[in-house]
Amino acid sequence: KEREFVAAINRSGGFTHYTDSVKGRFTIYRDNAKNTVYL
């Protein structure tokens, strides 16, 4: 299958965007102090 989008987050973590199939199940967040983004 083709590569598909799951989730995205802006630099501060204040805005997020999800594909419909994961909404309500997946959460993207980030810790800029640790240079890490999580899913």
All heavy atoms as atom14 arrays in JSON, in Angstrom:
{
  "sequence": "KEREFVAAINRSGGFTHYTDSVKGRFTIYRDNAKNTVYL",
  "atom14_mask": [
    [1, 1, 1, 1, 1, 1, 1, 1, 1, 0, 0, 0, 0, 0],
    [1, 1, 1, 1, 1, 1, 1, 1, 1, 0, 0, 0, 0, 0],
    [1, 1, 1, 1, 1, 1, 1, 1, 1, 1, 1, 0, 0, 0],
    [1, 1, 1, 1, 1, 1, 1, 1, 1, 0, 0, 0, 0, 0],
    [1, 1, 1, 1, 1, 1, 1, 1, 1, 1, 1, 0, 0, 0],
    [1, 1, 1, 1, 1, 1, 1, 0, 0, 0, 0, 0, 0, 0],
    [1, 1, 1, 1, 1, 0, 0, 0, 0, 0, 0, 0, 0, 0],
    [1, 1, 1, 1, 1, 0, 0, 0, 0, 0, 0, 0, 0, 0],
    [1, 1, 1, 1, 1, 1, 1, 1, 0, 0, 0, 0, 0, 0],
    [1, 1, 1, 1, 1, 1, 1, 1, 0, 0, 0, 0, 0, 0],
    [1, 1, 1, 1, 1, 1, 1, 1, 1, 1, 1, 0, 0, 0],
    [1, 1, 1, 1, 1, 1, 0, 0, 0, 0, 0, 0, 0, 0],
    [1, 1, 1, 1, 0, 0, 0, 0, 0, 0, 0, 0, 0, 0],
    [1, 1, 1, 1, 0, 0, 0, 0, 0, 0, 0, 0, 0, 0],
    [1, 1, 1, 1, 1, 1, 1, 1, 1, 1, 1, 0, 0, 0],
    [1, 1, 1, 1, 1, 1, 1, 0, 0, 0, 0, 0, 0, 0],
    [1, 1, 1, 1, 1, 1, 1, 1, 1, 1, 0, 0, 0, 0],
    [1, 1, 1, 1, 1, 1, 1, 1, 1, 1, 1, 1, 0, 0],
    [1, 1, 1, 1, 1, 1, 1, 0, 0, 0, 0, 0, 0, 0],
    [1, 1, 1, 1, 1, 1, 1, 1, 0, 0, 0, 0, 0, 0],
    [1, 1, 1, 1, 1, 1, 0, 0, 0, 0, 0, 0, 0, 0],
    [1, 1, 1, 1, 1, 1, 1, 0, 0, 0, 0, 0, 0, 0],
    [1, 1, 1, 1, 1, 1, 1, 1, 1, 0, 0, 0, 0, 0],
    [1, 1, 1, 1, 0, 0, 0, 0, 0, 0, 0, 0, 0, 0],
    [1, 1, 1, 1, 1, 1, 1, 1, 1, 1, 1, 0, 0, 0],
    [1, 1, 1, 1, 1, 1, 1, 1, 1, 1, 1, 0, 0, 0],
    [1, 1, 1, 1, 1, 1, 1, 0, 0, 0, 0, 0, 0, 0],
    [1, 1, 1, 1, 1, 1, 1, 1, 0, 0, 0, 0, 0, 0],
    [1, 1, 1, 1, 1, 1, 1, 1, 1, 1, 1, 1, 0, 0],
    [1, 1, 1, 1, 1, 1, 1, 1, 1, 1, 1, 0, 0, 0],
    [1, 1, 1, 1, 1, 1, 1, 1, 0, 0, 0, 0, 0, 0],
    [1, 1, 1, 1, 1, 1, 1, 1, 0, 0, 0, 0, 0, 0],
    [1, 1, 1, 1, 1, 0, 0, 0, 0, 0, 0, 0, 0, 0],
    [1, 1, 1, 1, 1, 1, 1, 1, 1, 0, 0, 0, 0, 0],
    [1, 1, 1, 1, 1, 1, 1, 1, 0, 0, 0, 0, 0, 0],
    [1, 1, 1, 1, 1, 1, 1, 0, 0, 0, 0, 0, 0, 0],
    [1, 1, 1, 1, 1, 1, 1, 0, 0, 0, 0, 0, 0, 0],
    [1, 1, 1, 1, 1, 1, 1, 1, 1, 1, 1, 1, 0, 0],
    [1, 1, 1, 1, 1, 1, 1, 1, 0, 0, 0, 0, 0, 0]
  ],
  "atom14_positions": [
    [[0.83, -1.2, 0.0], [0.0, 0.0, 0.0], [0.87, 1.25, 0.0], [2.05, 1.22, 0.34], [-0.92, 0.01, 1.22], [-1.95, -1.11, 1.21], [-2.94, -0.93, 2.35], [-4.03, -2.0, 2.31], [-5.02, -1.82, 3.4], [0.0, 0.0, 0.0], [0.0, 0.0, 0.0], [0.0, 0.0, 0.0], [0.0, 0.0, 0.0], [0.0, 0.0, 0.0]],
    [[0.24, 2.36, -0.38], [0.97, 3.62, -0.37], [1.12, 4.14, 1.06], [0.33, 3.81, 1.95], [0.22, 4.66, -1.21], [0.24, 4.36, -2.7], [-0.28, 5.53, -3.52], [-0.72, 6.52, -2.92], [-0.22, 5.43, -4.75], [0.0, 0.0, 0.0], [0.0, 0.0, 0.0], [0.0, 0.0, 0.0], [0.0, 0.0, 0.0], [0.0, 0.0, 0.0]],
    [[2.12, 4.97, 1.23], [2.32, 5.61, 2.52], [1.17, 6.57, 2.79], [0.81, 7.36, 1.92], [3.65, 6.38, 2.52], [4.06, 6.95, 3.85], [5.48, 7.5, 3.77], [6.44, 6.44, 3.45], [7.75, 6.65, 3.35], [8.25, 7.87, 3.57], [8.54, 5.66, 3.03], [0.0, 0.0, 0.0], [0.0, 0.0, 0.0], [0.0, 0.0, 0.0]],
    [[0.59, 6.49, 3.98], [-0.55, 7.33, 4.29], [-0.32, 8.13, 5.56], [0.38, 7.69, 6.48], [-1.83, 6.5, 4.43], [-1.85, 5.55, 5.61], [-3.23, 4.95, 5.86], [-4.22, 5.37, 5.22], [-3.32, 4.06, 6.73], [0.0, 0.0, 0.0], [0.0, 0.0, 0.0], [0.0, 0.0, 0.0], [0.0, 0.0, 0.0], [0.0, 0.0, 0.0]],
    [[-0.93, 9.29, 5.59], [-0.84, 10.19, 6.72], [-1.6, 9.63, 7.91], [-2.68, 9.05, 7.76], [-1.43, 11.54, 6.32], [-1.63, 12.49, 7.45], [-0.54, 13.1, 8.06], [-2.9, 12.8, 7.9], [-0.73, 13.99, 9.1], [-3.1, 13.68, 8.93], [-2.01, 14.28, 9.54], [0.0, 0.0, 0.0], [0.0, 0.0, 0.0], [0.0, 0.0, 0.0]],
    [[-1.04, 9.86, 9.11], [-1.71, 9.44, 10.34], [-2.04, 10.66, 11.2], [-3.19, 10.89, 11.56], [-0.84, 8.46, 11.15], [-1.53, 8.1, 12.46], [-0.54, 7.2, 10.34], [0.0, 0.0, 0.0], [0.0, 0.0, 0.0], [0.0, 0.0, 0.0], [0.0, 0.0, 0.0], [0.0, 0.0, 0.0], [0.0, 0.0, 0.0], [0.0, 0.0, 0.0]],
    [[-1.02, 11.46, 11.54], [-1.23, 12.59, 12.44], [-0.11, 13.59, 12.29], [1.0, 13.23, 11.89], [-1.32, 12.12, 13.89], [0.0, 0.0, 0.0], [0.0, 0.0, 0.0], [0.0, 0.0, 0.0], [0.0, 0.0, 0.0], [0.0, 0.0, 0.0], [0.0, 0.0, 0.0], [0.0, 0.0, 0.0], [0.0, 0.0, 0.0], [0.0, 0.0, 0.0]],
    [[-0.38, 14.84, 12.63], [0.63, 15.88, 12.6], [0.4, 16.85, 13.77], [-0.73, 16.96, 14.28], [0.59, 16.64, 11.28], [0.0, 0.0, 0.0], [0.0, 0.0, 0.0], [0.0, 0.0, 0.0], [0.0, 0.0, 0.0], [0.0, 0.0, 0.0], [0.0, 0.0, 0.0], [0.0, 0.0, 0.0], [0.0, 0.0, 0.0], [0.0, 0.0, 0.0]],
    [[1.46, 17.55, 14.13], [1.39, 18.49, 15.25], [2.26, 19.7, 14.94], [3.34, 19.56, 14.35], [1.82, 17.79, 16.56], [1.56, 18.67, 17.77], [3.29, 17.35, 16.5], [1.67, 17.91, 19.1], [0.0, 0.0, 0.0], [0.0, 0.0, 0.0], [0.0, 0.0, 0.0], [0.0, 0.0, 0.0], [0.0, 0.0, 0.0], [0.0, 0.0, 0.0]],
    [[1.8, 20.87, 15.33], [2.58, 22.07, 15.04], [3.71, 22.22, 16.06], [3.85, 21.43, 17.0], [1.69, 23.31, 15.01], [1.34, 23.82, 16.39], [1.1, 23.04, 17.31], [1.34, 25.14, 16.54], [0.0, 0.0, 0.0], [0.0, 0.0, 0.0], [0.0, 0.0, 0.0], [0.0, 0.0, 0.0], [0.0, 0.0, 0.0], [0.0, 0.0, 0.0]],
    [[4.51, 23.24, 15.9], [5.74, 23.37, 16.67], [5.5, 23.48, 18.17], [6.29, 22.98, 18.96], [6.55, 24.57, 16.17], [5.79, 25.88, 16.21], [6.6, 27.0, 15.59], [6.77, 26.84, 14.15], [7.44, 27.69, 13.37], [8.0, 28.75, 13.91], [7.54, 27.48, 12.09], [0.0, 0.0, 0.0], [0.0, 0.0, 0.0], [0.0, 0.0, 0.0]],
    [[4.43, 24.12, 18.58], [4.17, 24.3, 20.0], [3.32, 23.18, 20.6], [3.23, 23.06, 21.82], [3.46, 25.63, 20.23], [2.13, 25.57, 19.72], [0.0, 0.0, 0.0], [0.0, 0.0, 0.0], [0.0, 0.0, 0.0], [0.0, 0.0, 0.0], [0.0, 0.0, 0.0], [0.0, 0.0, 0.0], [0.0, 0.0, 0.0], [0.0, 0.0, 0.0]],
    [[2.71, 22.39, 19.74], [1.8, 21.35, 20.21], [0.37, 21.82, 20.34], [-0.5, 21.05, 20.75], [0.0, 0.0, 0.0], [0.0, 0.0, 0.0], [0.0, 0.0, 0.0], [0.0, 0.0, 0.0], [0.0, 0.0, 0.0], [0.0, 0.0, 0.0], [0.0, 0.0, 0.0], [0.0, 0.0, 0.0], [0.0, 0.0, 0.0], [0.0, 0.0, 0.0]],
    [[0.11, 23.06, 19.98], [-1.23, 23.62, 20.12], [-2.2, 23.24, 19.03], [-3.41, 23.37, 19.21], [0.0, 0.0, 0.0], [0.0, 0.0, 0.0], [0.0, 0.0, 0.0], [0.0, 0.0, 0.0], [0.0, 0.0, 0.0], [0.0, 0.0, 0.0], [0.0, 0.0, 0.0], [0.0, 0.0, 0.0], [0.0, 0.0, 0.0], [0.0, 0.0, 0.0]],
    [[-1.68, 22.78, 17.91], [-2.54, 22.37, 16.79], [-2.17, 20.95, 16.38], [-1.0, 20.61, 16.3], [-2.36, 23.3, 15.6], [-2.88, 24.69, 15.84], [-2.02, 25.7, 16.22], [-4.22, 24.99, 15.68], [-2.49, 26.98, 16.44], [-4.7, 26.26, 15.9], [-3.82, 27.26, 16.29], [0.0, 0.0, 0.0], [0.0, 0.0, 0.0], [0.0, 0.0, 0.0]],
    [[-3.2, 20.15, 16.11], [-2.99, 18.79, 15.65], [-3.95, 18.5, 14.5], [-4.95, 19.2, 14.31], [-3.23, 17.76, 16.77], [-4.55, 17.93, 17.3], [-2.21, 17.9, 17.88], [0.0, 0.0, 0.0], [0.0, 0.0, 0.0], [0.0, 0.0, 0.0], [0.0, 0.0, 0.0], [0.0, 0.0, 0.0], [0.0, 0.0, 0.0], [0.0, 0.0, 0.0]],
    [[-3.62, 17.47, 13.76], [-4.41, 17.07, 12.6], [-4.32, 15.56, 12.49], [-3.22, 15.01, 12.64], [-3.86, 17.75, 11.35], [-4.54, 17.38, 10.07], [-5.9, 17.28, 9.94], [-4.02, 17.08, 8.85], [-6.19, 16.95, 8.7], [-5.08, 16.82, 8.01], [0.0, 0.0, 0.0], [0.0, 0.0, 0.0], [0.0, 0.0, 0.0], [0.0, 0.0, 0.0]],
    [[-5.47, 14.88, 12.28], [-5.5, 13.43, 12.23], [-6.24, 12.95, 10.99], [-7.18, 13.61, 10.52], [-6.22, 12.84, 13.45], [-5.57, 13.13, 14.78], [-5.91, 14.25, 15.52], [-4.61, 12.25, 15.3], [-5.31, 14.51, 16.74], [-4.01, 12.51, 16.52], [-4.36, 13.64, 17.23], [-3.76, 13.88, 18.45], [0.0, 0.0, 0.0], [0.0, 0.0, 0.0]],
    [[-5.84, 11.79, 10.51], [-6.67, 11.16, 9.5], [-7.91, 10.59, 10.18], [-7.87, 10.24, 11.38], [-5.88, 10.05, 8.77], [-6.6, 9.64, 7.62], [-5.63, 8.86, 9.67], [0.0, 0.0, 0.0], [0.0, 0.0, 0.0], [0.0, 0.0, 0.0], [0.0, 0.0, 0.0], [0.0, 0.0, 0.0], [0.0, 0.0, 0.0], [0.0, 0.0, 0.0]],
    [[-9.01, 10.51, 9.46], [-10.28, 10.15, 10.07], [-10.25, 8.78, 10.76], [-10.89, 8.58, 11.8], [-11.38, 10.15, 9.01], [-11.79, 11.56, 8.6], [-11.43, 12.52, 9.32], [-12.47, 11.71, 7.57], [0.0, 0.0, 0.0], [0.0, 0.0, 0.0], [0.0, 0.0, 0.0], [0.0, 0.0, 0.0], [0.0, 0.0, 0.0], [0.0, 0.0, 0.0]],
    [[-9.51, 7.85, 10.2], [-9.55, 6.48, 10.72], [-8.93, 6.33, 12.1], [-9.13, 5.31, 12.76], [-8.87, 5.53, 9.74], [-7.51, 5.85, 9.6], [0.0, 0.0, 0.0], [0.0, 0.0, 0.0], [0.0, 0.0, 0.0], [0.0, 0.0, 0.0], [0.0, 0.0, 0.0], [0.0, 0.0, 0.0], [0.0, 0.0, 0.0], [0.0, 0.0, 0.0]],
    [[-8.17, 7.32, 12.56], [-7.53, 7.21, 13.87], [-8.07, 8.2, 14.89], [-7.68, 8.17, 16.06], [-5.99, 7.35, 13.77], [-5.43, 6.4, 12.73], [-5.56, 8.78, 13.51], [0.0, 0.0, 0.0], [0.0, 0.0, 0.0], [0.0, 0.0, 0.0], [0.0, 0.0, 0.0], [0.0, 0.0, 0.0], [0.0, 0.0, 0.0], [0.0, 0.0, 0.0]],
    [[-8.95, 9.07, 14.47], [-9.5, 10.07, 15.38], [-10.2, 9.4, 16.55], [-10.98, 8.46, 16.36], [-10.48, 10.98, 14.63], [-9.82, 12.01, 13.74], [-10.84, 12.88, 13.04], [-10.16, 13.89, 12.13], [-11.16, 14.71, 11.37], [0.0, 0.0, 0.0], [0.0, 0.0, 0.0], [0.0, 0.0, 0.0], [0.0, 0.0, 0.0], [0.0, 0.0, 0.0]],
    [[-9.92, 9.89, 17.75], [-10.49, 9.31, 18.95], [-9.73, 8.13, 19.49], [-9.99, 7.68, 20.61], [0.0, 0.0, 0.0], [0.0, 0.0, 0.0], [0.0, 0.0, 0.0], [0.0, 0.0, 0.0], [0.0, 0.0, 0.0], [0.0, 0.0, 0.0], [0.0, 0.0, 0.0], [0.0, 0.0, 0.0], [0.0, 0.0, 0.0], [0.0, 0.0, 0.0]],
    [[-8.77, 7.6, 18.73], [-7.98, 6.45, 19.18], [-6.5, 6.81, 19.34], [-5.84, 6.3, 20.24], [-8.09, 5.3, 18.18], [-9.5, 4.79, 17.97], [-9.5, 3.51, 17.13], [-8.96, 3.7, 15.8], [-7.94, 3.01, 15.3], [-7.35, 2.08, 16.02], [-7.53, 3.23, 14.06], [0.0, 0.0, 0.0], [0.0, 0.0, 0.0], [0.0, 0.0, 0.0]],
    [[-5.99, 7.66, 18.47], [-4.58, 8.03, 18.5], [-4.44, 9.48, 18.98], [-5.29, 10.32, 18.69], [-3.95, 7.94, 17.1], [-3.79, 6.55, 16.56], [-4.37, 5.44, 17.17], [-3.06, 6.33, 15.4], [-4.22, 4.16, 16.66], [-2.9, 5.07, 14.88], [-3.49, 3.98, 15.5], [0.0, 0.0, 0.0], [0.0, 0.0, 0.0], [0.0, 0.0, 0.0]],
    [[-3.33, 9.74, 19.65], [-3.02, 11.11, 20.1], [-1.56, 11.41, 19.79], [-0.67, 10.64, 20.18], [-3.26, 11.28, 21.6], [-4.62, 10.96, 21.91], [-2.97, 12.71, 22.04], [0.0, 0.0, 0.0], [0.0, 0.0, 0.0], [0.0, 0.0, 0.0], [0.0, 0.0, 0.0], [0.0, 0.0, 0.0], [0.0, 0.0, 0.0], [0.0, 0.0, 0.0]],
    [[-1.33, 12.51, 19.1], [0.03, 12.96, 18.84], [0.35, 14.08, 19.81], [-0.49, 14.95, 20.08], [0.21, 13.42, 17.38], [1.68, 13.74, 17.08], [-0.7, 14.6, 17.04], [1.96, 13.99, 15.58], [0.0, 0.0, 0.0], [0.0, 0.0, 0.0], [0.0, 0.0, 0.0], [0.0, 0.0, 0.0], [0.0, 0.0, 0.0], [0.0, 0.0, 0.0]],
    [[1.54, 14.05, 20.38], [1.98, 15.13, 21.26], [3.5, 15.18, 21.2], [4.15, 14.29, 20.66], [1.46, 14.96, 22.68], [1.9, 13.7, 23.42], [2.92, 13.74, 24.37], [1.28, 12.47, 23.18], [3.31, 12.61, 25.04], [1.67, 11.33, 23.85], [2.68, 11.39, 24.79], [3.08, 10.26, 25.47], [0.0, 0.0, 0.0], [0.0, 0.0, 0.0]],
    [[4.04, 16.24, 21.76], [5.49, 16.43, 21.66], [6.05, 17.01, 22.94], [5.35, 17.69, 23.69], [5.83, 17.32, 20.46], [5.36, 18.75, 20.58], [5.47, 19.48, 19.24], [6.85, 19.63, 18.8], [7.22, 19.9, 17.55], [6.28, 20.04, 16.61], [8.49, 20.04, 17.25], [0.0, 0.0, 0.0], [0.0, 0.0, 0.0], [0.0, 0.0, 0.0]],
    [[7.32, 16.75, 23.15], [8.08, 17.33, 24.26], [9.31, 17.99, 23.63], [10.29, 17.31, 23.31], [8.47, 16.25, 25.26], [9.16, 16.81, 26.5], [9.68, 17.93, 26.42], [9.17, 16.12, 27.53], [0.0, 0.0, 0.0], [0.0, 0.0, 0.0], [0.0, 0.0, 0.0], [0.0, 0.0, 0.0], [0.0, 0.0, 0.0], [0.0, 0.0, 0.0]],
    [[9.25, 19.29, 23.44], [10.35, 19.99, 22.76], [11.63, 19.97, 23.6], [12.73, 20.04, 23.04], [9.93, 21.41, 22.41], [8.94, 21.46, 21.27], [8.84, 20.51, 20.47], [8.19, 22.54, 21.17], [0.0, 0.0, 0.0], [0.0, 0.0, 0.0], [0.0, 0.0, 0.0], [0.0, 0.0, 0.0], [0.0, 0.0, 0.0], [0.0, 0.0, 0.0]],
    [[11.5, 19.89, 24.9], [12.69, 19.81, 25.74], [13.45, 18.52, 25.52], [14.66, 18.45, 25.74], [12.3, 19.95, 27.21], [0.0, 0.0, 0.0], [0.0, 0.0, 0.0], [0.0, 0.0, 0.0], [0.0, 0.0, 0.0], [0.0, 0.0, 0.0], [0.0, 0.0, 0.0], [0.0, 0.0, 0.0], [0.0, 0.0, 0.0], [0.0, 0.0, 0.0]],
    [[12.74, 17.49, 25.06], [13.37, 16.18, 24.8], [13.54, 15.92, 23.31], [13.93, 14.82, 22.91], [12.54, 15.07, 25.44], [12.48, 15.13, 26.96], [11.69, 13.98, 27.52], [11.66, 14.04, 29.05], [10.88, 12.91, 29.63], [0.0, 0.0, 0.0], [0.0, 0.0, 0.0], [0.0, 0.0, 0.0], [0.0, 0.0, 0.0], [0.0, 0.0, 0.0]],
    [[13.2, 16.91, 22.47], [13.31, 16.75, 21.02], [12.57, 15.5, 20.53], [13.06, 14.78, 19.64], [14.78, 16.67, 20.59], [15.5, 17.99, 20.69], [14.89, 19.02, 20.96], [16.8, 17.97, 20.48], [0.0, 0.0, 0.0], [0.0, 0.0, 0.0], [0.0, 0.0, 0.0], [0.0, 0.0, 0.0], [0.0, 0.0, 0.0], [0.0, 0.0, 0.0]],
    [[11.42, 15.26, 21.1], [10.71, 14.02, 20.82], [9.23, 14.29, 20.53], [8.61, 15.12, 21.21], [10.83, 13.04, 22.0], [12.22, 12.78, 22.26], [10.13, 11.72, 21.7], [0.0, 0.0, 0.0], [0.0, 0.0, 0.0], [0.0, 0.0, 0.0], [0.0, 0.0, 0.0], [0.0, 0.0, 0.0], [0.0, 0.0, 0.0], [0.0, 0.0, 0.0]],
    [[8.71, 13.58, 19.54], [7.29, 13.58, 19.26], [6.78, 12.16, 19.49], [7.48, 11.19, 19.22], [6.97, 14.07, 17.83], [7.6, 13.17, 16.78], [5.47, 14.19, 17.61], [0.0, 0.0, 0.0], [0.0, 0.0, 0.0], [0.0, 0.0, 0.0], [0.0, 0.0, 0.0], [0.0, 0.0, 0.0], [0.0, 0.0, 0.0], [0.0, 0.0, 0.0]],
    [[5.58, 12.06, 20.01], [5.0, 10.77, 20.38], [3.7, 10.52, 19.62], [3.03, 11.45, 19.19], [4.7, 10.75, 21.88], [5.89, 11.02, 22.77], [6.16, 12.3, 23.22], [6.73, 9.98, 23.16], [7.25, 12.56, 24.04], [7.82, 10.23, 23.98], [8.07, 11.51, 24.42], [9.16, 11.75, 25.22], [0.0, 0.0, 0.0], [0.0, 0.0, 0.0]],
    [[3.37, 9.26, 19.51], [2.07, 8.87, 18.99], [1.51, 7.8, 19.92], [2.0, 6.67, 19.94], [2.17, 8.33, 17.56], [0.83, 8.01, 16.9], [0.04, 9.3, 16.63], [1.03, 7.24, 15.58], [0.0, 0.0, 0.0], [0.0, 0.0, 0.0], [0.0, 0.0, 0.0], [0.0, 0.0, 0.0], [0.0, 0.0, 0.0], [0.0, 0.0, 0.0]]
  ]
}
